[in-house]
Amino acid sequence: MVNYSAMIEDSKIYLTKDGLKKLEQEHQSLRQMKRTKTKDESLVAGSLNLSDSEFSIFQEDINLLEARVEELENILKNYTIIVIPPKSQQKVVFIGATILVEIEGQKDEFTIVGSLEANPMLGKISNASPVGMSLLGHKVGDEVKVQSAVVSVYKIRKIIYQH
């Protein structure tokens, strides 16, 4: 039996192509903003009489901006694109699968994505969430117990991979 959860490394950053594109755009935008603010900082320091607290706020904004740029650079150096498995493996739940499940008679559908793109309100759950981790490696018809605040049984009804 293949250990599918072992195939998912906790430290990996999984992104869809769309998610990568958004992060690259944010990175480019923030780098431009950082250049502009840094240029403004030198102008502000030399020409305007800012109070210490105003300058501190300005400097804090720049520090937060730099921290986000560094975070994005780390992500962009270490990401893994979510790929659709070969046709022969598409009967198994992997990251990137859209799954139709039944929970206590209620039907639900969601896509398993990396943590950075998870948004349950949009039907995207993280591969690192209790539900995501529990479903990985299972097939249509499997009943999977998910332990969180309460134990729920998810019956997998359908697995779809979007091309």
N, C-alpha and C. Protein backbone atom coordinates (compact mmCIF):
# COMPACT_ATOMS: atom_id res chain seq x y z
N MET A 1 0.84 -1.19 0.00
CA MET A 1 0.00 0.00 0.00
C MET A 1 0.88 1.25 0.00
N VAL A 2 0.58 2.19 -0.85
CA VAL A 2 1.35 3.43 -0.97
C VAL A 2 0.94 4.37 0.15
N ASN A 3 1.91 4.99 0.80
CA ASN A 3 1.64 5.98 1.85
C ASN A 3 1.55 7.36 1.20
N TYR A 4 0.33 7.76 0.84
CA TYR A 4 0.14 9.02 0.12
C TYR A 4 0.43 10.23 0.98
N SER A 5 0.17 10.15 2.27
CA SER A 5 0.44 11.31 3.12
C SER A 5 1.95 11.56 3.20
N ALA A 6 2.75 10.53 3.06
CA ALA A 6 4.20 10.72 3.07
C ALA A 6 4.67 11.44 1.81
N MET A 7 3.84 11.38 0.75
CA MET A 7 4.20 12.05 -0.50
C MET A 7 4.05 13.57 -0.37
N ILE A 8 3.30 14.01 0.64
CA ILE A 8 3.06 15.42 0.84
C ILE A 8 3.98 15.88 1.97
N GLU A 9 4.96 16.67 1.63
CA GLU A 9 5.88 17.17 2.64
C GLU A 9 5.31 18.45 3.24
N ASP A 10 5.28 18.50 4.58
CA ASP A 10 4.72 19.66 5.26
C ASP A 10 5.42 20.96 4.89
N SER A 11 6.71 20.89 4.61
CA SER A 11 7.46 22.11 4.36
C SER A 11 7.31 22.63 2.93
N LYS A 12 6.74 21.83 2.06
CA LYS A 12 6.58 22.28 0.67
C LYS A 12 5.47 23.31 0.56
N ILE A 13 5.64 24.22 -0.35
CA ILE A 13 4.64 25.24 -0.63
C ILE A 13 3.99 24.89 -1.95
N TYR A 14 2.74 24.43 -1.89
CA TYR A 14 2.02 24.01 -3.09
C TYR A 14 1.19 25.17 -3.61
N LEU A 15 1.32 25.42 -4.92
CA LEU A 15 0.58 26.49 -5.57
C LEU A 15 -0.03 26.01 -6.89
N THR A 16 -1.19 26.55 -7.22
CA THR A 16 -1.73 26.35 -8.55
C THR A 16 -1.03 27.34 -9.46
N LYS A 17 -1.18 27.17 -10.76
CA LYS A 17 -0.58 28.14 -11.70
C LYS A 17 -1.17 29.52 -11.49
N ASP A 18 -2.49 29.60 -11.24
CA ASP A 18 -3.13 30.89 -10.97
C ASP A 18 -2.60 31.51 -9.68
N GLY A 19 -2.44 30.68 -8.66
CA GLY A 19 -1.91 31.17 -7.38
C GLY A 19 -0.50 31.72 -7.54
N LEU A 20 0.33 31.02 -8.32
CA LEU A 20 1.69 31.48 -8.57
C LEU A 20 1.66 32.82 -9.29
N LYS A 21 0.81 32.93 -10.29
CA LYS A 21 0.71 34.18 -11.06
C LYS A 21 0.33 35.35 -10.15
N LYS A 22 -0.62 35.13 -9.24
CA LYS A 22 -1.04 36.19 -8.32
C LYS A 22 0.10 36.60 -7.40
N LEU A 23 0.84 35.62 -6.88
CA LEU A 23 1.96 35.94 -6.00
C LEU A 23 3.07 36.68 -6.74
N GLU A 24 3.33 36.28 -7.97
CA GLU A 24 4.34 36.98 -8.77
C GLU A 24 3.92 38.43 -9.02
N GLN A 25 2.64 38.64 -9.30
CA GLN A 25 2.14 40.00 -9.52
C GLN A 25 2.23 40.82 -8.25
N GLU A 26 1.86 40.22 -7.12
CA GLU A 26 1.96 40.93 -5.85
C GLU A 26 3.42 41.29 -5.56
N HIS A 27 4.32 40.34 -5.79
CA HIS A 27 5.75 40.57 -5.55
C HIS A 27 6.26 41.74 -6.39
N GLN A 28 5.91 41.73 -7.66
CA GLN A 28 6.35 42.81 -8.56
C GLN A 28 5.78 44.15 -8.10
N SER A 29 4.52 44.17 -7.75
CA SER A 29 3.86 45.40 -7.30
C SER A 29 4.49 45.92 -6.01
N LEU A 30 4.74 45.03 -5.06
CA LEU A 30 5.33 45.46 -3.79
C LEU A 30 6.77 45.92 -3.95
N ARG A 31 7.51 45.28 -4.84
CA ARG A 31 8.89 45.73 -5.09
C ARG A 31 8.89 47.15 -5.66
N GLN A 32 7.95 47.42 -6.57
CA GLN A 32 7.83 48.77 -7.13
C GLN A 32 7.45 49.76 -6.03
N MET A 33 6.51 49.35 -5.19
CA MET A 33 6.08 50.22 -4.09
C MET A 33 7.23 50.47 -3.13
N LYS A 34 8.04 49.45 -2.88
CA LYS A 34 9.19 49.59 -1.98
C LYS A 34 10.19 50.59 -2.56
N ARG A 35 10.45 50.50 -3.87
CA ARG A 35 11.37 51.45 -4.50
C ARG A 35 10.84 52.88 -4.35
N THR A 36 9.55 53.05 -4.58
CA THR A 36 8.94 54.38 -4.48
C THR A 36 9.01 54.89 -3.05
N LYS A 37 8.65 54.06 -2.08
CA LYS A 37 8.66 54.49 -0.68
C LYS A 37 10.08 54.77 -0.20
N THR A 38 11.04 53.96 -0.62
CA THR A 38 12.42 54.18 -0.21
C THR A 38 12.92 55.50 -0.77
N LYS A 39 12.55 55.78 -2.00
CA LYS A 39 12.89 57.07 -2.60
C LYS A 39 12.22 58.20 -1.82
N ASP A 40 10.94 58.00 -1.47
CA ASP A 40 10.22 58.99 -0.67
C ASP A 40 10.86 59.18 0.69
N GLU A 41 11.37 58.09 1.28
CA GLU A 41 11.99 58.17 2.60
C GLU A 41 13.18 59.13 2.57
N SER A 42 14.00 59.02 1.53
CA SER A 42 15.16 59.91 1.46
C SER A 42 14.71 61.36 1.25
N LEU A 43 13.64 61.54 0.47
CA LEU A 43 13.11 62.90 0.29
C LEU A 43 12.51 63.42 1.58
N VAL A 44 11.75 62.55 2.26
CA VAL A 44 11.09 62.95 3.50
C VAL A 44 12.12 63.29 4.56
N ALA A 45 13.12 62.46 4.69
CA ALA A 45 14.13 62.68 5.73
C ALA A 45 14.85 64.00 5.52
N GLY A 46 15.03 64.37 4.28
CA GLY A 46 15.80 65.58 4.02
C GLY A 46 14.99 66.85 3.91
N SER A 47 13.72 66.77 3.50
CA SER A 47 13.03 68.01 3.18
C SER A 47 11.82 68.34 4.04
N LEU A 48 11.22 67.34 4.66
CA LEU A 48 10.03 67.62 5.46
C LEU A 48 10.35 67.50 6.94
N ASN A 49 9.66 68.27 7.71
CA ASN A 49 9.84 68.20 9.15
C ASN A 49 8.79 67.26 9.73
N LEU A 50 9.11 65.98 9.74
CA LEU A 50 8.20 65.00 10.33
C LEU A 50 8.54 64.83 11.80
N SER A 51 7.52 64.65 12.60
CA SER A 51 7.77 64.34 14.01
C SER A 51 8.38 62.95 14.09
N ASP A 52 8.96 62.66 15.23
CA ASP A 52 9.55 61.33 15.43
C ASP A 52 8.51 60.24 15.25
N SER A 53 7.30 60.47 15.76
CA SER A 53 6.26 59.43 15.65
C SER A 53 5.82 59.26 14.19
N GLU A 54 5.71 60.36 13.44
CA GLU A 54 5.34 60.26 12.02
C GLU A 54 6.41 59.51 11.23
N PHE A 55 7.66 59.83 11.51
CA PHE A 55 8.74 59.15 10.82
C PHE A 55 8.79 57.68 11.22
N SER A 56 8.52 57.39 12.50
CA SER A 56 8.49 56.00 12.97
C SER A 56 7.41 55.20 12.25
N ILE A 57 6.24 55.80 12.07
CA ILE A 57 5.15 55.14 11.35
C ILE A 57 5.56 54.89 9.90
N PHE A 58 6.16 55.89 9.28
CA PHE A 58 6.63 55.78 7.90
C PHE A 58 7.64 54.64 7.80
N GLN A 59 8.58 54.59 8.75
CA GLN A 59 9.62 53.56 8.75
C GLN A 59 9.01 52.17 9.00
N GLU A 60 8.01 52.11 9.87
CA GLU A 60 7.35 50.83 10.15
C GLU A 60 6.64 50.31 8.90
N ASP A 61 6.02 51.21 8.15
CA ASP A 61 5.38 50.81 6.89
C ASP A 61 6.40 50.19 5.93
N ILE A 62 7.55 50.82 5.84
CA ILE A 62 8.60 50.30 4.96
C ILE A 62 9.08 48.94 5.45
N ASN A 63 9.24 48.79 6.77
CA ASN A 63 9.69 47.51 7.32
C ASN A 63 8.68 46.40 7.04
N LEU A 64 7.38 46.69 7.19
CA LEU A 64 6.35 45.70 6.88
C LEU A 64 6.36 45.33 5.40
N LEU A 65 6.54 46.33 4.57
CA LEU A 65 6.62 46.11 3.13
C LEU A 65 7.81 45.21 2.79
N GLU A 66 8.96 45.51 3.38
CA GLU A 66 10.16 44.70 3.15
C GLU A 66 9.97 43.27 3.63
N ALA A 67 9.29 43.10 4.76
CA ALA A 67 9.05 41.76 5.30
C ALA A 67 8.16 40.95 4.35
N ARG A 68 7.13 41.59 3.79
CA ARG A 68 6.25 40.87 2.86
C ARG A 68 6.99 40.53 1.57
N VAL A 69 7.82 41.45 1.09
CA VAL A 69 8.62 41.18 -0.12
C VAL A 69 9.53 39.99 0.13
N GLU A 70 10.19 39.95 1.30
CA GLU A 70 11.07 38.82 1.63
C GLU A 70 10.29 37.52 1.71
N GLU A 71 9.09 37.58 2.32
CA GLU A 71 8.25 36.39 2.42
C GLU A 71 7.88 35.87 1.03
N LEU A 72 7.49 36.78 0.14
CA LEU A 72 7.13 36.38 -1.22
C LEU A 72 8.35 35.82 -1.96
N GLU A 73 9.51 36.42 -1.76
CA GLU A 73 10.72 35.91 -2.41
C GLU A 73 11.03 34.49 -1.94
N ASN A 74 10.83 34.22 -0.66
CA ASN A 74 11.04 32.87 -0.14
C ASN A 74 10.06 31.89 -0.77
N ILE A 75 8.80 32.29 -0.86
CA ILE A 75 7.78 31.43 -1.48
C ILE A 75 8.14 31.16 -2.94
N LEU A 76 8.53 32.21 -3.66
CA LEU A 76 8.83 32.08 -5.08
C LEU A 76 10.10 31.26 -5.34
N LYS A 77 10.95 31.11 -4.34
CA LYS A 77 12.14 30.27 -4.48
C LYS A 77 11.85 28.81 -4.14
N ASN A 78 10.77 28.56 -3.39
CA ASN A 78 10.57 27.23 -2.82
C ASN A 78 9.22 26.58 -3.13
N TYR A 79 8.50 27.07 -4.09
CA TYR A 79 7.17 26.53 -4.37
C TYR A 79 7.24 25.27 -5.24
N THR A 80 6.15 24.53 -5.21
CA THR A 80 5.94 23.39 -6.09
C THR A 80 4.58 23.59 -6.75
N ILE A 81 4.54 23.54 -8.06
CA ILE A 81 3.27 23.68 -8.78
C ILE A 81 2.45 22.40 -8.62
N ILE A 82 1.18 22.57 -8.35
CA ILE A 82 0.27 21.43 -8.27
C ILE A 82 0.02 20.94 -9.69
N VAL A 83 0.32 19.68 -9.91
CA VAL A 83 0.12 19.10 -11.24
C VAL A 83 -0.96 18.03 -11.18
N ILE A 84 -1.65 17.87 -12.27
CA ILE A 84 -2.68 16.84 -12.39
C ILE A 84 -1.98 15.50 -12.54
N PRO A 85 -2.37 14.52 -11.73
CA PRO A 85 -1.71 13.21 -11.85
C PRO A 85 -2.06 12.55 -13.19
N PRO A 86 -1.27 11.57 -13.60
CA PRO A 86 -1.58 10.84 -14.82
C PRO A 86 -2.97 10.22 -14.74
N LYS A 87 -3.60 10.03 -15.88
CA LYS A 87 -4.96 9.48 -15.96
C LYS A 87 -5.11 8.22 -15.10
N SER A 88 -4.10 7.38 -15.09
CA SER A 88 -4.17 6.12 -14.33
C SER A 88 -4.26 6.33 -12.82
N GLN A 89 -3.89 7.52 -12.33
CA GLN A 89 -3.92 7.80 -10.89
C GLN A 89 -5.04 8.76 -10.49
N GLN A 90 -5.90 9.13 -11.43
CA GLN A 90 -6.93 10.12 -11.13
C GLN A 90 -8.13 9.57 -10.38
N LYS A 91 -8.07 8.33 -9.97
CA LYS A 91 -9.12 7.76 -9.14
C LYS A 91 -8.76 7.89 -7.66
N VAL A 92 -7.62 8.54 -7.40
CA VAL A 92 -7.11 8.74 -6.05
C VAL A 92 -7.06 10.25 -5.78
N VAL A 93 -7.32 10.63 -4.54
CA VAL A 93 -7.29 12.04 -4.15
C VAL A 93 -5.86 12.50 -3.94
N PHE A 94 -5.45 13.49 -4.72
CA PHE A 94 -4.17 14.18 -4.56
C PHE A 94 -4.46 15.67 -4.44
N ILE A 95 -3.43 16.44 -4.09
CA ILE A 95 -3.61 17.90 -4.09
C ILE A 95 -4.00 18.31 -5.50
N GLY A 96 -4.99 19.18 -5.59
CA GLY A 96 -5.49 19.64 -6.88
C GLY A 96 -6.81 19.00 -7.25
N ALA A 97 -7.21 17.96 -6.52
CA ALA A 97 -8.47 17.27 -6.81
C ALA A 97 -9.65 18.08 -6.30
N THR A 98 -10.71 18.09 -7.09
CA THR A 98 -12.00 18.59 -6.63
C THR A 98 -12.79 17.35 -6.25
N ILE A 99 -13.33 17.36 -5.05
CA ILE A 99 -13.96 16.17 -4.50
C ILE A 99 -15.40 16.47 -4.13
N LEU A 100 -16.28 15.58 -4.54
CA LEU A 100 -17.68 15.63 -4.10
C LEU A 100 -17.79 14.59 -2.99
N VAL A 101 -18.20 15.05 -1.80
CA VAL A 101 -18.31 14.16 -0.65
C VAL A 101 -19.71 14.23 -0.06
N GLU A 102 -20.01 13.25 0.74
CA GLU A 102 -21.27 13.24 1.49
C GLU A 102 -20.91 13.13 2.96
N ILE A 103 -21.46 14.06 3.76
CA ILE A 103 -21.21 14.07 5.19
C ILE A 103 -22.57 14.09 5.89
N GLU A 104 -22.87 13.00 6.56
CA GLU A 104 -24.15 12.88 7.28
C GLU A 104 -25.34 13.27 6.40
N GLY A 105 -25.34 12.75 5.19
CA GLY A 105 -26.45 12.98 4.25
C GLY A 105 -26.35 14.29 3.48
N GLN A 106 -25.43 15.17 3.83
CA GLN A 106 -25.26 16.44 3.14
C GLN A 106 -24.13 16.32 2.12
N LYS A 107 -24.35 16.87 0.94
CA LYS A 107 -23.30 16.84 -0.09
C LYS A 107 -22.50 18.13 -0.03
N ASP A 108 -21.21 18.00 -0.28
CA ASP A 108 -20.32 19.15 -0.29
C ASP A 108 -19.28 18.91 -1.37
N GLU A 109 -18.74 19.99 -1.91
CA GLU A 109 -17.71 19.89 -2.94
C GLU A 109 -16.63 20.90 -2.62
N PHE A 110 -15.40 20.47 -2.72
CA PHE A 110 -14.28 21.38 -2.50
C PHE A 110 -13.06 20.88 -3.25
N THR A 111 -12.10 21.77 -3.38
CA THR A 111 -10.83 21.46 -4.03
C THR A 111 -9.74 21.50 -2.99
N ILE A 112 -8.85 20.52 -3.03
CA ILE A 112 -7.72 20.51 -2.10
C ILE A 112 -6.56 21.26 -2.75
N VAL A 113 -6.12 22.32 -2.08
CA VAL A 113 -5.03 23.18 -2.57
C VAL A 113 -3.98 23.31 -1.47
N GLY A 114 -2.89 24.00 -1.78
CA GLY A 114 -1.88 24.30 -0.78
C GLY A 114 -2.41 25.32 0.23
N SER A 115 -1.76 25.40 1.36
CA SER A 115 -2.21 26.27 2.46
C SER A 115 -2.35 27.74 2.06
N LEU A 116 -1.47 28.23 1.21
CA LEU A 116 -1.51 29.65 0.83
C LEU A 116 -2.75 30.02 0.04
N GLU A 117 -3.34 29.05 -0.65
CA GLU A 117 -4.52 29.34 -1.48
C GLU A 117 -5.83 28.88 -0.85
N ALA A 118 -5.74 28.28 0.33
CA ALA A 118 -6.95 27.77 0.98
C ALA A 118 -7.91 28.91 1.29
N ASN A 119 -9.18 28.67 0.98
CA ASN A 119 -10.24 29.62 1.28
C ASN A 119 -11.55 28.83 1.31
N PRO A 120 -11.91 28.33 2.50
CA PRO A 120 -13.11 27.49 2.60
C PRO A 120 -14.38 28.16 2.06
N MET A 121 -14.47 29.48 2.14
CA MET A 121 -15.65 30.18 1.62
C MET A 121 -15.75 30.01 0.10
N LEU A 122 -14.62 29.77 -0.56
CA LEU A 122 -14.60 29.57 -2.01
C LEU A 122 -14.49 28.09 -2.38
N GLY A 123 -14.61 27.23 -1.38
CA GLY A 123 -14.55 25.79 -1.66
C GLY A 123 -13.14 25.27 -1.85
N LYS A 124 -12.15 25.96 -1.27
CA LYS A 124 -10.75 25.52 -1.39
C LYS A 124 -10.24 25.22 0.01
N ILE A 125 -9.87 23.95 0.25
CA ILE A 125 -9.35 23.59 1.57
C ILE A 125 -7.88 23.21 1.45
N SER A 126 -7.16 23.40 2.53
CA SER A 126 -5.73 23.14 2.55
C SER A 126 -5.43 21.65 2.64
N ASN A 127 -4.37 21.26 1.98
CA ASN A 127 -3.88 19.89 2.08
C ASN A 127 -3.41 19.58 3.50
N ALA A 128 -3.11 20.62 4.28
CA ALA A 128 -2.63 20.45 5.65
C ALA A 128 -3.76 20.48 6.68
N SER A 129 -4.99 20.75 6.24
CA SER A 129 -6.13 20.77 7.15
C SER A 129 -6.50 19.33 7.53
N PRO A 130 -7.22 19.15 8.64
CA PRO A 130 -7.61 17.79 9.02
C PRO A 130 -8.39 17.07 7.90
N VAL A 131 -9.31 17.77 7.25
CA VAL A 131 -10.09 17.15 6.18
C VAL A 131 -9.19 16.83 4.98
N GLY A 132 -8.39 17.81 4.56
CA GLY A 132 -7.50 17.62 3.41
C GLY A 132 -6.54 16.46 3.63
N MET A 133 -5.87 16.45 4.79
CA MET A 133 -4.90 15.38 5.07
C MET A 133 -5.58 14.02 5.12
N SER A 134 -6.77 13.97 5.69
CA SER A 134 -7.47 12.69 5.82
C SER A 134 -7.91 12.12 4.48
N LEU A 135 -8.29 12.99 3.54
CA LEU A 135 -8.81 12.51 2.26
C LEU A 135 -7.72 12.12 1.26
N LEU A 136 -6.54 12.68 1.40
CA LEU A 136 -5.46 12.37 0.46
C LEU A 136 -5.21 10.87 0.41
N GLY A 137 -5.12 10.36 -0.80
CA GLY A 137 -4.81 8.94 -1.00
C GLY A 137 -6.03 8.04 -1.05
N HIS A 138 -7.22 8.59 -0.81
CA HIS A 138 -8.42 7.76 -0.84
C HIS A 138 -9.09 7.80 -2.21
N LYS A 139 -10.06 6.86 -2.39
CA LYS A 139 -10.73 6.70 -3.68
C LYS A 139 -12.23 6.90 -3.53
N VAL A 140 -12.91 6.98 -4.67
CA VAL A 140 -14.37 7.06 -4.70
C VAL A 140 -14.93 5.86 -3.96
N GLY A 141 -15.91 6.11 -3.10
CA GLY A 141 -16.54 5.05 -2.32
C GLY A 141 -15.94 4.89 -0.94
N ASP A 142 -14.72 5.38 -0.73
CA ASP A 142 -14.10 5.27 0.59
C ASP A 142 -14.86 6.13 1.59
N GLU A 143 -14.96 5.64 2.81
CA GLU A 143 -15.51 6.42 3.92
C GLU A 143 -14.34 6.77 4.82
N VAL A 144 -14.13 8.06 5.01
CA VAL A 144 -12.96 8.54 5.71
C VAL A 144 -13.40 9.27 6.98
N LYS A 145 -12.90 8.82 8.11
CA LYS A 145 -13.20 9.50 9.38
C LYS A 145 -12.24 10.66 9.54
N VAL A 146 -12.82 11.83 9.82
CA VAL A 146 -12.01 13.02 10.02
C VAL A 146 -12.20 13.48 11.46
N GLN A 147 -11.11 13.56 12.19
CA GLN A 147 -11.14 13.96 13.59
C GLN A 147 -10.83 15.44 13.70
N SER A 148 -11.78 16.21 14.17
CA SER A 148 -11.54 17.62 14.52
C SER A 148 -12.24 17.82 15.86
N ALA A 149 -13.06 18.83 16.02
CA ALA A 149 -13.80 19.00 17.27
C ALA A 149 -14.74 17.81 17.48
N VAL A 150 -15.30 17.32 16.37
CA VAL A 150 -16.14 16.12 16.38
C VAL A 150 -15.64 15.20 15.27
N VAL A 151 -16.01 13.94 15.36
CA VAL A 151 -15.63 13.00 14.31
C VAL A 151 -16.71 13.02 13.24
N SER A 152 -16.30 13.24 12.00
CA SER A 152 -17.22 13.23 10.86
C SER A 152 -16.75 12.17 9.88
N VAL A 153 -17.70 11.56 9.20
CA VAL A 153 -17.36 10.56 8.19
C VAL A 153 -17.66 11.17 6.83
N TYR A 154 -16.63 11.26 5.99
CA TYR A 154 -16.74 11.79 4.64
C TYR A 154 -16.78 10.62 3.68
N LYS A 155 -17.85 10.49 2.94
CA LYS A 155 -17.92 9.44 1.90
C LYS A 155 -17.60 10.12 0.57
N ILE A 156 -16.55 9.67 -0.06
CA ILE A 156 -16.12 10.26 -1.33
C ILE A 156 -17.03 9.76 -2.44
N ARG A 157 -17.69 10.69 -3.13
CA ARG A 157 -18.61 10.35 -4.20
C ARG A 157 -18.00 10.53 -5.59
N LYS A 158 -17.11 11.51 -5.71
CA LYS A 158 -16.55 11.79 -7.03
C LYS A 158 -15.23 12.53 -6.86
N ILE A 159 -14.29 12.26 -7.75
CA ILE A 159 -12.99 12.94 -7.78
C ILE A 159 -12.83 13.52 -9.19
N ILE A 160 -12.55 14.82 -9.26
CA ILE A 160 -12.41 15.50 -10.56
C ILE A 160 -11.07 16.24 -10.56
N TYR A 161 -10.38 16.14 -11.68
CA TYR A 161 -9.15 16.93 -11.88
C TYR A 161 -9.41 17.86 -13.04
N GLN A 162 -9.27 19.17 -12.80
CA GLN A 162 -9.47 20.19 -13.83
C GLN A 162 -8.21 20.33 -14.67
N HIS A 163 -8.36 20.36 -15.96
CA HIS A 163 -7.20 20.52 -16.86
C HIS A 163 -6.99 21.97 -17.20
